[in-house]
């Protein structure tokens, strides 16, 4: 199994920045992708960004491209989401997800990000 713990959420004004962290533990050698998703009130959970655990290839939703950056530190088993130029529509609970082949994946507990206008 893989355990994930997110941190770094909070309240920020529009145009500001936040950096989310996701600490992974357990059988991390099985992870293929690490992903960030978010879920706003009354909306479905949506993909934000992904990074391959080994090679560092990155992928972004169009809505965050150019503003958010996903990165990883394999030595510390951590993944980060640097969020710049935040907008009120970025307000959501942000979830870290580990894509492990052969499983349904693993999720963290989520961290709240609130962007005020």
Protein backbone atom coordinates (compact mmCIF):
# COMPACT_ATOMS: atom_id res chain seq x y z
CA UNK A 1 0.00 0.00 0.00
CA UNK A 2 0.87 3.65 -0.40
CA UNK A 3 0.00 6.37 2.10
CA UNK A 4 -0.29 10.01 1.03
CA UNK A 5 -0.44 13.14 3.17
CA UNK A 6 -1.03 16.57 1.65
CA UNK A 7 -0.12 19.91 3.21
CA UNK A 8 0.26 23.54 2.24
CA UNK A 9 -3.29 24.63 1.57
CA UNK A 10 -4.75 27.85 2.91
CA UNK A 11 -6.35 31.17 2.13
CA UNK A 12 -4.74 33.48 -0.41
CA UNK A 13 -5.78 36.54 -2.37
CA UNK A 14 -6.25 36.39 -6.12
CA UNK A 15 -2.92 36.69 -7.88
CA UNK A 16 -1.09 35.07 -4.99
CA UNK A 17 0.79 31.80 -4.74
CA UNK A 18 0.71 28.61 -2.72
CA UNK A 19 2.80 25.46 -2.75
CA UNK A 20 1.16 22.15 -1.94
CA UNK A 21 3.16 19.17 -0.79
CA UNK A 22 2.33 15.47 -0.88
CA UNK A 23 4.40 13.07 1.18
CA UNK A 24 4.27 9.44 0.06
CA UNK A 25 5.16 6.43 2.19
CA UNK A 26 4.82 2.68 1.96
CA UNK A 27 5.44 0.80 -1.27
CA UNK A 28 6.39 3.90 -3.24
CA UNK A 29 8.53 1.90 -5.67
CA UNK A 30 5.27 0.74 -7.29
CA UNK A 31 4.10 4.25 -8.15
CA UNK A 32 3.90 5.07 -11.85
CA UNK A 33 2.32 8.54 -11.84
CA UNK A 34 1.68 11.03 -9.09
CA UNK A 35 -1.30 13.26 -9.75
CA UNK A 36 -3.03 16.27 -8.30
CA UNK A 37 -6.80 16.52 -8.55
CA UNK A 38 -9.18 19.09 -7.16
CA UNK A 39 -12.85 19.24 -6.28
CA UNK A 40 -14.79 22.46 -5.92
CA UNK A 41 -18.10 22.59 -4.03
CA UNK A 42 -20.89 21.07 -6.09
CA UNK A 43 -18.54 19.94 -8.84
CA UNK A 44 -16.88 16.70 -9.83
CA UNK A 45 -13.28 15.96 -9.01
CA UNK A 46 -11.04 17.09 -11.87
CA UNK A 47 -7.49 16.42 -12.98
CA UNK A 48 -4.97 19.19 -12.38
CA UNK A 49 -1.47 17.87 -13.03
CA UNK A 50 0.60 14.69 -13.20
CA UNK A 51 4.24 13.66 -13.09
CA UNK A 52 5.86 10.30 -13.70
CA UNK A 53 7.52 9.02 -10.57
CA UNK A 54 10.67 7.96 -12.36
CA UNK A 55 11.16 10.09 -15.44
CA UNK A 56 9.71 13.41 -14.43
CA UNK A 57 7.44 13.90 -17.46
CA UNK A 58 4.67 16.33 -16.61
CA UNK A 59 1.12 16.92 -17.76
CA UNK A 60 -1.33 19.72 -16.98
CA UNK A 61 -4.98 20.55 -17.35
CA UNK A 62 -5.48 23.43 -19.76
CA UNK A 63 -7.02 25.50 -16.97
CA UNK A 64 -3.76 25.59 -15.00
CA UNK A 65 -1.14 25.38 -17.74
CA UNK A 66 1.40 28.17 -17.39
CA UNK A 67 0.37 28.93 -13.79
CA UNK A 68 0.92 25.65 -11.92
CA UNK A 69 4.06 23.53 -11.80
CA UNK A 70 4.28 19.95 -10.57
CA UNK A 71 7.61 18.60 -9.37
CA UNK A 72 8.97 15.73 -7.34
CA UNK A 73 11.76 14.90 -4.92
CA UNK A 74 12.26 11.16 -5.09
CA UNK A 75 14.85 11.18 -2.32
CA UNK A 76 12.20 12.52 0.06
CA UNK A 77 9.24 10.75 -1.61
CA UNK A 78 7.48 14.07 -2.08
CA UNK A 79 5.54 15.71 -4.87
CA UNK A 80 4.83 19.42 -5.01
CA UNK A 81 2.32 21.64 -6.76
CA UNK A 82 3.48 25.24 -7.09
CA UNK A 83 0.45 27.39 -7.82
CA UNK A 84 0.98 30.94 -9.07
CA UNK A 85 -1.40 33.62 -10.29
CA UNK A 86 -4.21 32.00 -8.36
CA UNK A 87 -7.80 32.80 -9.28
CA UNK A 88 -11.01 32.47 -7.28
CA UNK A 89 -12.03 29.61 -9.59
CA UNK A 90 -9.01 27.66 -8.31
CA UNK A 91 -10.78 27.37 -4.94
CA UNK A 92 -11.19 23.67 -4.16
CA UNK A 93 -10.02 20.78 -2.06
CA UNK A 94 -6.81 19.53 -3.65
CA UNK A 95 -6.04 15.82 -3.54
CA UNK A 96 -2.82 13.95 -4.13
CA UNK A 97 -3.19 10.65 -6.00
CA UNK A 98 -0.75 7.81 -6.62
CA UNK A 99 -1.32 5.78 -9.76
CA UNK A 100 -0.15 2.25 -8.99
CA UNK A 101 -0.70 -0.33 -11.75
CA UNK A 102 -2.96 -3.17 -10.71
CA UNK A 103 -4.71 -1.15 -8.03
CA UNK A 104 -7.40 1.47 -7.94
CA UNK A 105 -4.82 4.04 -6.92
CA UNK A 106 -4.36 5.76 -3.61
CA UNK A 107 -5.62 9.13 -2.36
CA UNK A 108 -4.62 11.58 0.30
CA UNK A 109 -7.10 13.26 2.63
CA UNK A 110 -7.09 16.53 0.70
CA UNK A 111 -6.09 20.08 1.55
CA UNK A 112 -8.31 23.14 1.18
CA UNK A 113 -7.25 26.00 -1.09
CA UNK A 114 -9.34 29.15 -0.95
CA UNK A 115 -8.64 32.09 -3.25
CA UNK A 116 -10.39 35.33 -2.37
CA UNK A 117 -11.20 38.01 -4.92
